[in-house]
Protein backbone atom coordinates (compact mmCIF):
# COMPACT_ATOMS: atom_id res chain seq x y z
CA MET A 1 16.62 -6.40 12.99
CA ASN A 2 16.19 -10.59 12.52
CA CYS A 3 15.29 -11.70 9.12
CA PHE A 4 11.95 -12.38 9.97
CA LYS A 5 11.39 -8.67 11.05
CA GLN A 6 12.82 -8.01 7.81
CA LEU A 7 10.18 -9.87 5.79
CA GLU A 8 7.19 -8.83 7.69
CA LEU A 9 8.00 -5.37 6.91
CA ALA A 10 8.89 -6.34 3.54
CA SER A 11 5.66 -7.85 2.85
CA ASN A 12 3.84 -5.03 4.63
CA ILE A 13 5.35 -2.57 1.99
CA LEU A 14 4.61 -5.02 -1.01
CA SER A 15 0.85 -4.91 0.10
CA ILE A 16 0.70 -1.30 0.16
CA CYS A 17 2.59 -1.07 -3.25
CA VAL A 18 0.25 -3.45 -5.02
CA ILE A 19 -2.76 -2.02 -3.38
CA THR A 20 -1.74 1.68 -4.87
CA ILE A 21 -1.15 0.22 -7.83
CA LEU A 22 -4.74 -1.47 -8.04
CA LEU A 23 -6.02 2.04 -6.51
CA LEU A 24 -4.14 4.07 -9.72
CA LEU A 25 -5.27 1.69 -12.49
CA PRO A 26 -8.41 3.26 -13.52
CA SER A 27 -6.68 6.62 -13.70
CA ILE A 28 -4.97 5.96 -16.50
CA TYR A 29 -7.96 4.45 -18.41
CA ILE A 30 -10.62 6.95 -17.39
CA ASP A 31 -9.46 10.70 -17.75
CA SER A 32 -12.76 11.67 -15.64
CA VAL A 33 -11.17 10.05 -12.19
CA ASN A 34 -8.21 12.29 -12.61
CA ILE A 35 -8.21 14.87 -9.85
CA TYR A 36 -6.82 18.06 -9.81
CA VAL A 37 -5.90 20.42 -7.59
CA ASN A 38 -4.33 23.68 -8.22
CA GLY A 39 -3.16 22.43 -11.50
CA PHE A 40 -1.68 19.14 -9.97
CA PHE A 41 -2.81 15.55 -9.95
CA ILE A 42 -3.34 14.33 -6.25
CA ASN A 43 -4.23 11.01 -7.33
CA GLY A 44 -0.91 9.30 -6.03
CA PRO A 45 -0.80 11.00 -2.86
CA LEU A 46 -4.62 9.95 -2.58
CA ALA A 47 -4.17 6.26 -3.52
CA ILE A 48 -1.18 5.84 -1.30
CA ALA A 49 -2.95 7.34 1.66
CA ILE A 50 -5.87 5.17 0.82
CA ALA A 51 -3.26 1.96 0.59
CA ILE A 52 -1.55 2.85 3.92
CA PHE A 53 -5.19 2.97 5.69
CA LEU A 54 -6.24 -0.37 3.91
CA GLN A 55 -2.98 -2.06 4.94
CA ILE A 56 -2.96 -1.13 8.43
CA LYS A 57 -6.84 -1.67 9.34
CA TYR A 58 -7.45 -4.80 7.16
CA LEU A 59 -4.30 -6.49 5.82
CA ARG A 60 -1.67 -6.23 8.37
CA ILE A 61 0.83 -9.04 7.96
CA ARG A 62 2.45 -10.51 11.28
CA ILE A 63 5.00 -13.34 11.41
CA ASP A 64 5.28 -15.08 14.61
CA PHE A 65 8.22 -17.16 15.05
CA GLU A 66 8.79 -19.63 18.16
CA LYS A 67 11.82 -21.40 18.46
CA GLU A 68 11.07 -25.23 19.61
CA ASP A 69 13.70 -26.80 22.29
């Protein structure tokens, strides 16, 4: 894997992390936003799924590099 593919992958993963953190911030301060199912929080997996969807649908980062002779 060349360095540009690695940079593209790392930037996509970083954007997913940032979106996930932004989606989880309200649940820190507002307890009524937390979602419980059978005693477990599902905020984290739900936020990750939404972040991946948003990143794939709208924020896909692509790096195109062409060599010039």
